[in-house]
Amino acid sequence: MTASRQPLLSVMLAHRSELMLTQLREVIQQDPCLHLAAEANTATDALDLFFRFQPDVVLIDVRLPDKSGFEVARCIRQVRPTCFIILMTAASDPFVDEVGRMLGVTAICDQNHELGRVREVLKYVITRRG
């Protein structure tokens, strides 16, 4: 009998779009190494859930309704520097890339192109953590 594989990483999603949350949730659920810890639609909820669940990975929409995803990323980075942070953006933008680099995010993914890049980054994170 083989032991079932336990998830290696807990993941939190923070996005303004229910459709995108659904798509990201499916990506997480398809990988047995990942566990969906929490979901949020606002920066306020995202930070509350982050402090409550302390996930290993956070996927954050750059444009949340109450604050920018940059602010959420900055707070997370200050509290837990080892957290993997993936910023989601609606379009490639050099400004987003530059601010993301300054904040030390793990990756920036354009959500309008297939979620393949998100899958790639999550696989990378799993190999770094596992």
N, C-alpha and C. Protein backbone atom coordinates (compact mmCIF):
# COMPACT_ATOMS: atom_id res chain seq x y z
N MET A 1 0.85 -1.17 0.00
CA MET A 1 0.00 0.00 0.00
C MET A 1 0.90 1.24 0.00
N THR A 2 0.57 2.19 -0.85
CA THR A 2 1.36 3.43 -0.92
C THR A 2 0.66 4.52 -0.13
N ALA A 3 1.45 5.32 0.51
CA ALA A 3 0.90 6.43 1.29
C ALA A 3 0.45 7.53 0.33
N SER A 4 -0.65 8.18 0.66
CA SER A 4 -1.09 9.29 -0.17
C SER A 4 -0.16 10.47 0.03
N ARG A 5 0.06 11.20 -1.04
CA ARG A 5 0.99 12.32 -0.98
C ARG A 5 0.30 13.53 -0.36
N GLN A 6 0.90 14.06 0.66
CA GLN A 6 0.36 15.23 1.36
C GLN A 6 0.77 16.50 0.61
N PRO A 7 -0.09 17.51 0.59
CA PRO A 7 0.29 18.78 -0.04
C PRO A 7 1.54 19.37 0.60
N LEU A 8 2.41 19.90 -0.22
CA LEU A 8 3.63 20.52 0.27
C LEU A 8 3.43 21.98 0.61
N LEU A 9 2.59 22.64 -0.17
CA LEU A 9 2.46 24.09 -0.03
C LEU A 9 1.01 24.52 0.10
N SER A 10 0.79 25.47 0.99
CA SER A 10 -0.54 26.07 1.10
C SER A 10 -0.55 27.34 0.26
N VAL A 11 -1.68 27.60 -0.39
CA VAL A 11 -1.80 28.71 -1.33
C VAL A 11 -3.00 29.56 -0.97
N MET A 12 -2.82 30.88 -1.06
CA MET A 12 -3.92 31.81 -0.89
C MET A 12 -4.09 32.59 -2.19
N LEU A 13 -5.35 32.78 -2.58
CA LEU A 13 -5.68 33.55 -3.78
C LEU A 13 -6.32 34.87 -3.37
N ALA A 14 -5.92 35.96 -4.03
CA ALA A 14 -6.53 37.26 -3.78
C ALA A 14 -6.75 37.91 -5.14
N HIS A 15 -8.01 37.92 -5.57
CA HIS A 15 -8.33 38.46 -6.89
C HIS A 15 -9.71 39.08 -6.88
N ARG A 16 -9.88 40.15 -7.66
CA ARG A 16 -11.17 40.84 -7.70
C ARG A 16 -12.20 40.11 -8.55
N SER A 17 -11.77 39.24 -9.44
CA SER A 17 -12.66 38.56 -10.38
C SER A 17 -13.03 37.16 -9.90
N GLU A 18 -14.32 36.91 -9.77
CA GLU A 18 -14.77 35.56 -9.39
C GLU A 18 -14.37 34.53 -10.45
N LEU A 19 -14.43 34.92 -11.72
CA LEU A 19 -14.03 34.01 -12.80
C LEU A 19 -12.57 33.62 -12.66
N MET A 20 -11.72 34.61 -12.40
CA MET A 20 -10.29 34.31 -12.25
C MET A 20 -10.04 33.47 -11.00
N LEU A 21 -10.75 33.77 -9.92
CA LEU A 21 -10.62 32.94 -8.71
C LEU A 21 -10.98 31.49 -9.02
N THR A 22 -12.04 31.29 -9.78
CA THR A 22 -12.45 29.94 -10.15
C THR A 22 -11.36 29.24 -10.96
N GLN A 23 -10.80 29.95 -11.93
CA GLN A 23 -9.75 29.35 -12.76
C GLN A 23 -8.49 29.04 -11.95
N LEU A 24 -8.11 29.95 -11.08
CA LEU A 24 -6.93 29.72 -10.24
C LEU A 24 -7.17 28.58 -9.25
N ARG A 25 -8.38 28.53 -8.71
CA ARG A 25 -8.74 27.44 -7.79
C ARG A 25 -8.57 26.08 -8.48
N GLU A 26 -9.00 26.01 -9.74
CA GLU A 26 -8.87 24.76 -10.50
C GLU A 26 -7.40 24.38 -10.70
N VAL A 27 -6.57 25.37 -10.98
CA VAL A 27 -5.14 25.12 -11.13
C VAL A 27 -4.58 24.53 -9.84
N ILE A 28 -4.93 25.11 -8.71
CA ILE A 28 -4.44 24.64 -7.41
C ILE A 28 -4.94 23.23 -7.13
N GLN A 29 -6.22 22.99 -7.37
CA GLN A 29 -6.81 21.69 -7.06
C GLN A 29 -6.29 20.57 -7.95
N GLN A 30 -5.75 20.90 -9.11
CA GLN A 30 -5.21 19.88 -10.01
C GLN A 30 -3.84 19.37 -9.59
N ASP A 31 -3.20 20.06 -8.67
CA ASP A 31 -1.85 19.65 -8.26
C ASP A 31 -1.89 19.11 -6.84
N PRO A 32 -1.57 17.83 -6.65
CA PRO A 32 -1.64 17.24 -5.31
C PRO A 32 -0.61 17.81 -4.33
N CYS A 33 0.36 18.56 -4.83
CA CYS A 33 1.35 19.18 -3.95
C CYS A 33 0.87 20.51 -3.37
N LEU A 34 -0.29 20.97 -3.83
CA LEU A 34 -0.80 22.27 -3.40
C LEU A 34 -2.11 22.12 -2.63
N HIS A 35 -2.29 23.00 -1.67
CA HIS A 35 -3.51 23.04 -0.86
C HIS A 35 -4.03 24.47 -0.85
N LEU A 36 -5.30 24.65 -1.23
CA LEU A 36 -5.91 25.98 -1.21
C LEU A 36 -6.28 26.34 0.23
N ALA A 37 -5.57 27.32 0.78
CA ALA A 37 -5.79 27.71 2.18
C ALA A 37 -6.88 28.76 2.32
N ALA A 38 -6.97 29.70 1.35
CA ALA A 38 -7.94 30.79 1.49
C ALA A 38 -8.09 31.54 0.18
N GLU A 39 -9.22 32.25 0.07
CA GLU A 39 -9.50 33.11 -1.08
C GLU A 39 -10.03 34.44 -0.59
N ALA A 40 -9.67 35.50 -1.30
CA ALA A 40 -10.14 36.84 -0.95
C ALA A 40 -10.43 37.63 -2.21
N ASN A 41 -11.34 38.60 -2.08
CA ASN A 41 -11.67 39.51 -3.19
C ASN A 41 -11.14 40.92 -2.96
N THR A 42 -10.66 41.21 -1.75
CA THR A 42 -10.15 42.54 -1.43
C THR A 42 -8.80 42.43 -0.73
N ALA A 43 -8.09 43.53 -0.72
CA ALA A 43 -6.80 43.56 -0.03
C ALA A 43 -6.99 43.38 1.47
N THR A 44 -8.02 44.00 2.02
CA THR A 44 -8.28 43.88 3.46
C THR A 44 -8.50 42.43 3.85
N ASP A 45 -9.35 41.73 3.10
CA ASP A 45 -9.59 40.32 3.38
C ASP A 45 -8.34 39.48 3.15
N ALA A 46 -7.58 39.82 2.11
CA ALA A 46 -6.36 39.08 1.81
C ALA A 46 -5.38 39.16 2.97
N LEU A 47 -5.18 40.33 3.51
CA LEU A 47 -4.24 40.46 4.63
C LEU A 47 -4.76 39.76 5.88
N ASP A 48 -6.05 39.88 6.13
CA ASP A 48 -6.64 39.18 7.28
C ASP A 48 -6.42 37.68 7.15
N LEU A 49 -6.72 37.13 5.98
CA LEU A 49 -6.57 35.69 5.76
C LEU A 49 -5.10 35.28 5.76
N PHE A 50 -4.24 36.14 5.24
CA PHE A 50 -2.81 35.82 5.27
C PHE A 50 -2.32 35.66 6.71
N PHE A 51 -2.68 36.60 7.57
CA PHE A 51 -2.24 36.52 8.96
C PHE A 51 -2.86 35.31 9.67
N ARG A 52 -4.08 34.96 9.30
CA ARG A 52 -4.75 33.82 9.93
C ARG A 52 -4.16 32.48 9.48
N PHE A 53 -3.91 32.33 8.18
CA PHE A 53 -3.51 31.02 7.65
C PHE A 53 -2.02 30.88 7.33
N GLN A 54 -1.30 31.99 7.21
CA GLN A 54 0.14 31.97 6.92
C GLN A 54 0.48 31.04 5.75
N PRO A 55 -0.12 31.27 4.58
CA PRO A 55 0.16 30.38 3.44
C PRO A 55 1.60 30.51 2.95
N ASP A 56 2.05 29.48 2.24
CA ASP A 56 3.40 29.47 1.68
C ASP A 56 3.48 30.29 0.40
N VAL A 57 2.36 30.33 -0.34
CA VAL A 57 2.31 30.99 -1.63
C VAL A 57 1.07 31.89 -1.66
N VAL A 58 1.22 33.09 -2.23
CA VAL A 58 0.09 33.99 -2.38
C VAL A 58 0.05 34.47 -3.83
N LEU A 59 -1.10 34.29 -4.49
CA LEU A 59 -1.34 34.84 -5.82
C LEU A 59 -2.21 36.07 -5.62
N ILE A 60 -1.71 37.24 -6.05
CA ILE A 60 -2.38 38.51 -5.78
C ILE A 60 -2.65 39.27 -7.07
N ASP A 61 -3.88 39.70 -7.23
CA ASP A 61 -4.26 40.60 -8.32
C ASP A 61 -3.63 41.96 -8.05
N VAL A 62 -2.99 42.55 -9.04
CA VAL A 62 -2.38 43.86 -8.88
C VAL A 62 -3.45 44.92 -8.58
N ARG A 63 -4.65 44.73 -9.14
CA ARG A 63 -5.71 45.73 -8.99
C ARG A 63 -6.86 45.18 -8.14
N LEU A 64 -6.70 45.20 -6.85
CA LEU A 64 -7.79 44.83 -5.95
C LEU A 64 -8.66 46.06 -5.72
N PRO A 65 -9.94 45.87 -5.36
CA PRO A 65 -10.85 47.03 -5.28
C PRO A 65 -10.52 48.06 -4.20
N ASP A 66 -9.93 47.64 -3.09
CA ASP A 66 -9.70 48.59 -2.00
C ASP A 66 -8.26 49.08 -1.88
N LYS A 67 -7.30 48.32 -2.36
CA LYS A 67 -5.89 48.69 -2.35
C LYS A 67 -5.21 47.97 -3.49
N SER A 68 -4.01 48.38 -3.81
CA SER A 68 -3.30 47.68 -4.88
C SER A 68 -2.70 46.38 -4.34
N GLY A 69 -2.51 45.45 -5.25
CA GLY A 69 -1.84 44.21 -4.89
C GLY A 69 -0.41 44.46 -4.46
N PHE A 70 0.18 45.57 -4.93
CA PHE A 70 1.54 45.93 -4.50
C PHE A 70 1.58 46.15 -2.99
N GLU A 71 0.57 46.82 -2.46
CA GLU A 71 0.52 47.08 -1.02
C GLU A 71 0.41 45.77 -0.23
N VAL A 72 -0.41 44.87 -0.74
CA VAL A 72 -0.55 43.57 -0.08
C VAL A 72 0.78 42.83 -0.12
N ALA A 73 1.41 42.82 -1.29
CA ALA A 73 2.70 42.14 -1.42
C ALA A 73 3.75 42.73 -0.48
N ARG A 74 3.77 44.05 -0.37
CA ARG A 74 4.74 44.70 0.51
C ARG A 74 4.52 44.29 1.97
N CYS A 75 3.28 44.26 2.40
CA CYS A 75 2.97 43.85 3.78
C CYS A 75 3.38 42.40 4.03
N ILE A 76 3.05 41.54 3.08
CA ILE A 76 3.40 40.11 3.23
C ILE A 76 4.92 39.95 3.27
N ARG A 77 5.61 40.64 2.38
CA ARG A 77 7.07 40.52 2.33
C ARG A 77 7.71 40.99 3.64
N GLN A 78 7.15 42.03 4.27
CA GLN A 78 7.69 42.51 5.54
C GLN A 78 7.46 41.52 6.67
N VAL A 79 6.30 40.88 6.66
CA VAL A 79 5.93 39.97 7.75
C VAL A 79 6.56 38.59 7.56
N ARG A 80 6.57 38.12 6.32
CA ARG A 80 7.07 36.77 6.06
C ARG A 80 7.90 36.78 4.78
N PRO A 81 9.17 37.11 4.89
CA PRO A 81 10.03 37.25 3.71
C PRO A 81 10.16 35.98 2.86
N THR A 82 9.89 34.82 3.45
CA THR A 82 10.04 33.56 2.71
C THR A 82 8.80 33.18 1.90
N CYS A 83 7.73 33.94 2.02
CA CYS A 83 6.50 33.65 1.28
C CYS A 83 6.74 33.87 -0.21
N PHE A 84 6.28 32.93 -1.01
CA PHE A 84 6.34 33.07 -2.46
C PHE A 84 5.15 33.93 -2.90
N ILE A 85 5.42 35.02 -3.60
CA ILE A 85 4.36 35.93 -4.02
C ILE A 85 4.32 35.99 -5.55
N ILE A 86 3.14 35.73 -6.09
CA ILE A 86 2.92 35.80 -7.54
C ILE A 86 1.91 36.90 -7.78
N LEU A 87 2.32 37.94 -8.53
CA LEU A 87 1.41 39.02 -8.87
C LEU A 87 0.71 38.68 -10.19
N MET A 88 -0.59 38.91 -10.23
CA MET A 88 -1.40 38.69 -11.42
C MET A 88 -1.74 40.05 -12.02
N THR A 89 -1.53 40.21 -13.32
CA THR A 89 -1.83 41.46 -13.98
C THR A 89 -2.65 41.21 -15.24
N ALA A 90 -3.46 42.18 -15.62
CA ALA A 90 -4.33 42.03 -16.78
C ALA A 90 -3.57 42.25 -18.09
N ALA A 91 -2.43 42.89 -18.05
CA ALA A 91 -1.64 43.14 -19.26
C ALA A 91 -0.18 43.35 -18.89
N SER A 92 0.69 42.97 -19.79
CA SER A 92 2.11 43.21 -19.56
C SER A 92 2.34 44.71 -19.42
N ASP A 93 3.10 45.07 -18.41
CA ASP A 93 3.35 46.48 -18.13
C ASP A 93 4.72 46.60 -17.48
N PRO A 94 5.64 47.37 -18.07
CA PRO A 94 6.97 47.52 -17.49
C PRO A 94 6.93 48.07 -16.06
N PHE A 95 5.95 48.92 -15.76
CA PHE A 95 5.82 49.47 -14.41
C PHE A 95 5.53 48.35 -13.41
N VAL A 96 4.61 47.48 -13.75
CA VAL A 96 4.28 46.35 -12.87
C VAL A 96 5.50 45.47 -12.67
N ASP A 97 6.23 45.20 -13.75
CA ASP A 97 7.44 44.39 -13.65
C ASP A 97 8.47 45.03 -12.73
N GLU A 98 8.68 46.34 -12.89
CA GLU A 98 9.68 47.04 -12.07
C GLU A 98 9.30 47.06 -10.60
N VAL A 99 8.06 47.42 -10.30
CA VAL A 99 7.61 47.46 -8.91
C VAL A 99 7.65 46.05 -8.31
N GLY A 100 7.24 45.07 -9.08
CA GLY A 100 7.31 43.68 -8.61
C GLY A 100 8.72 43.28 -8.24
N ARG A 101 9.68 43.63 -9.09
CA ARG A 101 11.09 43.33 -8.78
C ARG A 101 11.53 44.03 -7.50
N MET A 102 11.15 45.30 -7.36
CA MET A 102 11.53 46.05 -6.16
C MET A 102 10.94 45.42 -4.90
N LEU A 103 9.75 44.86 -5.02
CA LEU A 103 9.10 44.22 -3.87
C LEU A 103 9.62 42.81 -3.61
N GLY A 104 10.38 42.28 -4.54
CA GLY A 104 10.92 40.94 -4.37
C GLY A 104 9.91 39.83 -4.60
N VAL A 105 8.94 40.06 -5.50
CA VAL A 105 7.96 39.01 -5.76
C VAL A 105 8.63 37.87 -6.52
N THR A 106 8.05 36.70 -6.41
CA THR A 106 8.59 35.51 -7.06
C THR A 106 8.39 35.59 -8.57
N ALA A 107 7.20 36.04 -8.99
CA ALA A 107 6.90 36.12 -10.42
C ALA A 107 5.73 37.06 -10.65
N ILE A 108 5.62 37.50 -11.91
CA ILE A 108 4.49 38.31 -12.36
C ILE A 108 3.89 37.57 -13.54
N CYS A 109 2.60 37.31 -13.48
CA CYS A 109 1.93 36.54 -14.52
C CYS A 109 0.82 37.36 -15.17
N ASP A 110 0.79 37.35 -16.48
CA ASP A 110 -0.27 38.01 -17.24
C ASP A 110 -1.46 37.06 -17.28
N GLN A 111 -2.54 37.43 -16.61
CA GLN A 111 -3.69 36.54 -16.50
C GLN A 111 -4.48 36.41 -17.79
N ASN A 112 -4.27 37.28 -18.77
CA ASN A 112 -5.01 37.20 -20.02
C ASN A 112 -4.47 36.12 -20.95
N HIS A 113 -3.25 35.72 -20.72
CA HIS A 113 -2.70 34.61 -21.47
C HIS A 113 -2.94 33.37 -20.63
N GLU A 114 -3.04 32.26 -21.26
CA GLU A 114 -3.37 31.04 -20.54
C GLU A 114 -2.67 30.97 -19.19
N LEU A 115 -3.23 30.20 -18.32
CA LEU A 115 -2.68 30.09 -16.97
C LEU A 115 -1.46 29.17 -16.92
N GLY A 116 -0.91 28.88 -18.08
CA GLY A 116 0.28 28.04 -18.14
C GLY A 116 1.45 28.62 -17.37
N ARG A 117 1.63 29.93 -17.43
CA ARG A 117 2.73 30.58 -16.69
C ARG A 117 2.53 30.42 -15.19
N VAL A 118 1.28 30.51 -14.72
CA VAL A 118 1.00 30.31 -13.30
C VAL A 118 1.39 28.89 -12.91
N ARG A 119 1.02 27.92 -13.74
CA ARG A 119 1.38 26.52 -13.47
C ARG A 119 2.90 26.35 -13.42
N GLU A 120 3.61 26.97 -14.36
CA GLU A 120 5.07 26.89 -14.39
C GLU A 120 5.68 27.45 -13.10
N VAL A 121 5.20 28.61 -12.69
CA VAL A 121 5.74 29.23 -11.48
C VAL A 121 5.44 28.37 -10.26
N LEU A 122 4.24 27.82 -10.18
CA LEU A 122 3.89 26.96 -9.04
C LEU A 122 4.77 25.71 -9.02
N LYS A 123 5.06 25.12 -10.18
CA LYS A 123 5.96 23.96 -10.24
C LYS A 123 7.36 24.36 -9.74
N TYR A 124 7.81 25.53 -10.15
CA TYR A 124 9.10 26.04 -9.68
C TYR A 124 9.10 26.18 -8.16
N VAL A 125 8.04 26.76 -7.62
CA VAL A 125 7.94 26.96 -6.18
C VAL A 125 7.94 25.61 -5.45
N ILE A 126 7.24 24.64 -5.99
CA ILE A 126 7.19 23.30 -5.38
C ILE A 126 8.59 22.70 -5.33
N THR A 127 9.35 22.84 -6.42
CA THR A 127 10.70 22.26 -6.43
C THR A 127 11.63 22.98 -5.46
N ARG A 128 11.43 24.27 -5.29
CA ARG A 128 12.24 25.04 -4.34
C ARG A 128 11.93 24.67 -2.91
N ARG A 129 10.67 24.34 -2.65
CA ARG A 129 10.22 24.08 -1.29
C ARG A 129 10.35 22.60 -0.93
N GLY A 130 10.11 21.74 -1.93
CA GLY A 130 10.08 20.30 -1.68
C GLY A 130 11.43 19.75 -1.50
